Amino acid sequence: MGQDSAAQPQSSPAVAVQIQFVPGGQGRWLEAFETHMEPAIRAAIEAGQLSDFAYYEAVVPGQSYDFMLILNADSFAFFDDRRPFPHYAALLQKTGLEEGRRILSDMVQREASVSVSLLRAYGGDL
């Protein structure tokens, strides 16, 4: 028996990125994120490629992540083509290819592990 679609809660596609940092890497990574990636995410939102985002820092030692980024989109269509994620493309457009690669490379060197999950977000705005 099918459910009435009007009775189902609204949802939006979301991508959750969980990062553990190498010892001592969190400070410079967060600085680079706030300086470069956050404006790139906002540019991707303004361009209509993403719809919202939020990020969180773990507050208790020993959790499975140190930092979590949630990106919301209207659809998962940005996975349909082999191209950089929308916020990476915005970063590269703003900084140029060489500088963007340097920024991303520096950030990756401070990451011990990264996991990416595709989710459906419920409950309204972040």
C-alpha atoms as a PDB file:
ATOM      1  CA  MET A   1       0.000   0.000   0.000  1.00  0.00           C
ATOM      2  CA  GLY A   2       1.510   3.367  -1.052  1.00  0.00           C
ATOM      3  CA  GLN A   3       1.724   6.395   1.178  1.00  0.00           C
ATOM      4  CA  ASP A   4       0.214   9.740   0.255  1.00  0.00           C
ATOM      5  CA  SER A   5       3.117  11.977  -0.861  1.00  0.00           C
ATOM      6  CA  ALA A   6       1.454  14.958   0.867  1.00  0.00           C
ATOM      7  CA  ALA A   7       1.843  13.172   4.203  1.00  0.00           C
ATOM      8  CA  GLN A   8       5.588  12.644   3.794  1.00  0.00           C
ATOM      9  CA  PRO A   9       7.876  15.260   5.371  1.00  0.00           C
ATOM     10  CA  GLN A  10       9.851  17.576   3.110  1.00  0.00           C
ATOM     11  CA  SER A  11      13.439  16.527   2.549  1.00  0.00           C
ATOM     12  CA  SER A  12      16.460  17.827   0.725  1.00  0.00           C
ATOM     13  CA  PRO A  13      19.572  16.032  -0.525  1.00  0.00           C
ATOM     14  CA  ALA A  14      22.572  16.527   1.736  1.00  0.00           C
ATOM     15  CA  VAL A  15      26.232  15.579   1.756  1.00  0.00           C
ATOM     16  CA  ALA A  16      27.938  15.037   5.110  1.00  0.00           C
ATOM     17  CA  VAL A  17      31.724  15.286   5.202  1.00  0.00           C
ATOM     18  CA  GLN A  18      33.382  14.085   8.415  1.00  0.00           C
ATOM     19  CA  ILE A  19      37.066  14.871   8.932  1.00  0.00           C
ATOM     20  CA  GLN A  20      39.617  13.758  11.493  1.00  0.00           C
ATOM     21  CA  PHE A  21      42.730  15.917  11.565  1.00  0.00           C
ATOM     22  CA  VAL A  22      46.341  14.904  11.970  1.00  0.00           C
ATOM     23  CA  PRO A  23      47.661  15.968  15.371  1.00  0.00           C
ATOM     24  CA  GLY A  24      48.168  19.735  15.319  1.00  0.00           C
ATOM     25  CA  GLY A  25      46.462  20.150  11.936  1.00  0.00           C
ATOM     26  CA  GLN A  26      43.073  21.475  12.970  1.00  0.00           C
ATOM     27  CA  GLY A  27      43.973  25.140  13.527  1.00  0.00           C
ATOM     28  CA  ARG A  28      45.504  25.837  10.115  1.00  0.00           C
ATOM     29  CA  TRP A  29      42.887  23.694   8.363  1.00  0.00           C
ATOM     30  CA  LEU A  30      40.045  25.679   9.969  1.00  0.00           C
ATOM     31  CA  GLU A  31      41.772  28.939   9.069  1.00  0.00           C
ATOM     32  CA  ALA A  32      42.004  27.840   5.421  1.00  0.00           C
ATOM     33  CA  PHE A  33      38.400  26.615   5.481  1.00  0.00           C
ATOM     34  CA  GLU A  34      37.058  29.912   6.847  1.00  0.00           C
ATOM     35  CA  THR A  35      39.273  32.012   4.556  1.00  0.00           C
ATOM     36  CA  HIS A  36      38.835  30.096   1.309  1.00  0.00           C
ATOM     37  CA  MET A  37      36.251  27.314   1.404  1.00  0.00           C
ATOM     38  CA  GLU A  38      33.440  29.047   3.261  1.00  0.00           C
ATOM     39  CA  PRO A  39      33.351  31.923   0.716  1.00  0.00           C
ATOM     40  CA  ALA A  40      33.511  29.334  -2.100  1.00  0.00           C
ATOM     41  CA  ILE A  41      30.534  27.476  -0.615  1.00  0.00           C
ATOM     42  CA  ARG A  42      28.628  30.775  -0.361  1.00  0.00           C
ATOM     43  CA  ALA A  43      29.474  31.490  -4.034  1.00  0.00           C
ATOM     44  CA  ALA A  44      28.135  28.048  -5.021  1.00  0.00           C
ATOM     45  CA  ILE A  45      24.941  28.824  -3.081  1.00  0.00           C
ATOM     46  CA  GLU A  46      24.596  32.194  -4.848  1.00  0.00           C
ATOM     47  CA  ALA A  47      25.084  30.390  -8.191  1.00  0.00           C
ATOM     48  CA  GLY A  48      22.271  27.979  -7.309  1.00  0.00           C
ATOM     49  CA  GLN A  49      24.536  24.911  -7.205  1.00  0.00           C
ATOM     50  CA  LEU A  50      24.052  24.338  -3.463  1.00  0.00           C
ATOM     51  CA  SER A  51      21.174  25.479  -1.270  1.00  0.00           C
ATOM     52  CA  ASP A  52      22.608  25.688   2.264  1.00  0.00           C
ATOM     53  CA  PHE A  53      25.422  24.522   4.509  1.00  0.00           C
ATOM     54  CA  ALA A  54      26.487  24.229   8.124  1.00  0.00           C
ATOM     55  CA  TYR A  55      29.620  23.020   9.822  1.00  0.00           C
ATOM     56  CA  TYR A  56      30.304  21.631  13.248  1.00  0.00           C
ATOM     57  CA  GLU A  57      33.314  20.991  15.441  1.00  0.00           C
ATOM     58  CA  ALA A  58      33.394  18.015  17.795  1.00  0.00           C
ATOM     59  CA  VAL A  59      33.341  19.135  21.414  1.00  0.00           C
ATOM     60  CA  VAL A  60      34.214  15.840  23.087  1.00  0.00           C
ATOM     61  CA  PRO A  61      37.586  14.150  22.527  1.00  0.00           C
ATOM     62  CA  GLY A  62      37.488  10.670  21.007  1.00  0.00           C
ATOM     63  CA  GLN A  63      34.560  11.225  18.673  1.00  0.00           C
ATOM     64  CA  SER A  64      34.812   9.702  15.209  1.00  0.00           C
ATOM     65  CA  TYR A  65      35.340  13.154  13.664  1.00  0.00           C
ATOM     66  CA  ASP A  66      36.839  16.541  14.537  1.00  0.00           C
ATOM     67  CA  PHE A  67      34.874  18.532  11.944  1.00  0.00           C
ATOM     68  CA  MET A  68      31.647  17.909  10.052  1.00  0.00           C
ATOM     69  CA  LEU A  69      30.416  19.828   7.013  1.00  0.00           C
ATOM     70  CA  ILE A  70      26.826  19.431   5.806  1.00  0.00           C
ATOM     71  CA  LEU A  71      26.058  20.694   2.293  1.00  0.00           C
ATOM     72  CA  ASN A  72      22.439  20.844   1.110  1.00  0.00           C
ATOM     73  CA  ALA A  73      21.427  20.910  -2.537  1.00  0.00           C
ATOM     74  CA  ASP A  74      18.197  20.873  -4.498  1.00  0.00           C
ATOM     75  CA  SER A  75      19.252  17.533  -6.002  1.00  0.00           C
ATOM     76  CA  PHE A  76      22.203  15.195  -6.258  1.00  0.00           C
ATOM     77  CA  ALA A  77      22.630  16.261  -9.907  1.00  0.00           C
ATOM     78  CA  PHE A  78      26.113  17.642  -9.253  1.00  0.00           C
ATOM     79  CA  PHE A  79      27.218  13.994  -8.934  1.00  0.00           C
ATOM     80  CA  ASP A  80      25.947  13.202 -12.452  1.00  0.00           C
ATOM     81  CA  ASP A  81      28.959  14.733 -14.206  1.00  0.00           C
ATOM     82  CA  ARG A  82      32.653  14.162 -13.561  1.00  0.00           C
ATOM     83  CA  ARG A  83      33.630  17.631 -12.432  1.00  0.00           C
ATOM     84  CA  PRO A  84      34.777  19.312  -9.239  1.00  0.00           C
ATOM     85  CA  PHE A  85      32.237  19.755  -6.466  1.00  0.00           C
ATOM     86  CA  PRO A  86      30.502  23.156  -6.809  1.00  0.00           C
ATOM     87  CA  HIS A  87      32.451  24.771  -3.958  1.00  0.00           C
ATOM     88  CA  TYR A  88      35.758  23.474  -5.362  1.00  0.00           C
ATOM     89  CA  ALA A  89      34.884  24.952  -8.766  1.00  0.00           C
ATOM     90  CA  ALA A  90      34.036  28.290  -7.114  1.00  0.00           C
ATOM     91  CA  LEU A  91      37.353  28.241  -5.234  1.00  0.00           C
ATOM     92  CA  LEU A  92      39.332  27.494  -8.409  1.00  0.00           C
ATOM     93  CA  GLN A  93      37.487  30.207 -10.306  1.00  0.00           C
ATOM     94  CA  LYS A  94      38.261  32.769  -7.595  1.00  0.00           C
ATOM     95  CA  THR A  95      41.892  31.844  -6.899  1.00  0.00           C
ATOM     96  CA  GLY A  96      43.024  30.337 -10.187  1.00  0.00           C
ATOM     97  CA  LEU A  97      43.989  26.725 -10.746  1.00  0.00           C
ATOM     98  CA  GLU A  98      47.478  26.791  -9.206  1.00  0.00           C
ATOM     99  CA  GLU A  99      46.546  28.685  -6.027  1.00  0.00           C
ATOM    100  CA  GLY A 100      43.352  26.645  -5.591  1.00  0.00           C
ATOM    101  CA  ARG A 101      45.292  23.403  -5.871  1.00  0.00           C
ATOM    102  CA  ARG A 102      47.834  24.685  -3.341  1.00  0.00           C
ATOM    103  CA  ILE A 103      45.073  25.583  -0.861  1.00  0.00           C
ATOM    104  CA  LEU A 104      43.346  22.212  -1.262  1.00  0.00           C
ATOM    105  CA  SER A 105      46.648  20.309  -1.051  1.00  0.00           C
ATOM    106  CA  ASP A 106      47.575  22.132   2.163  1.00  0.00           C
ATOM    107  CA  MET A 107      44.179  21.300   3.663  1.00  0.00           C
ATOM    108  CA  VAL A 108      44.376  17.624   2.650  1.00  0.00           C
ATOM    109  CA  GLN A 109      47.800  17.276   4.304  1.00  0.00           C
ATOM    110  CA  ARG A 110      46.158  18.208   7.626  1.00  0.00           C
ATOM    111  CA  GLU A 111      43.458  15.526   7.299  1.00  0.00           C
ATOM    112  CA  ALA A 112      44.010  12.075   8.809  1.00  0.00           C
ATOM    113  CA  SER A 113      40.753  10.689   7.418  1.00  0.00           C
ATOM    114  CA  VAL A 114      37.693  11.887   5.541  1.00  0.00           C
ATOM    115  CA  SER A 115      34.359  10.168   5.059  1.00  0.00           C
ATOM    116  CA  VAL A 116      31.575  11.383   2.793  1.00  0.00           C
ATOM    117  CA  SER A 117      27.950  10.301   3.156  1.00  0.00           C
ATOM    118  CA  LEU A 118      24.939  11.094   0.983  1.00  0.00           C
ATOM    119  CA  LEU A 119      21.863  11.823   3.080  1.00  0.00           C
ATOM    120  CA  ARG A 120      18.340  13.191   2.984  1.00  0.00           C
ATOM    121  CA  ALA A 121      17.873  16.120   5.369  1.00  0.00           C
ATOM    122  CA  TYR A 122      14.503  16.617   7.088  1.00  0.00           C
ATOM    123  CA  GLY A 123      13.189  19.344   9.313  1.00  0.00           C
ATOM    124  CA  GLY A 124      13.736  22.603   7.476  1.00  0.00           C
ATOM    125  CA  ASP A 125      16.658  24.957   7.325  1.00  0.00           C
ATOM    126  CA  LEU A 126      19.964  24.231   9.011  1.00  0.00           C
END
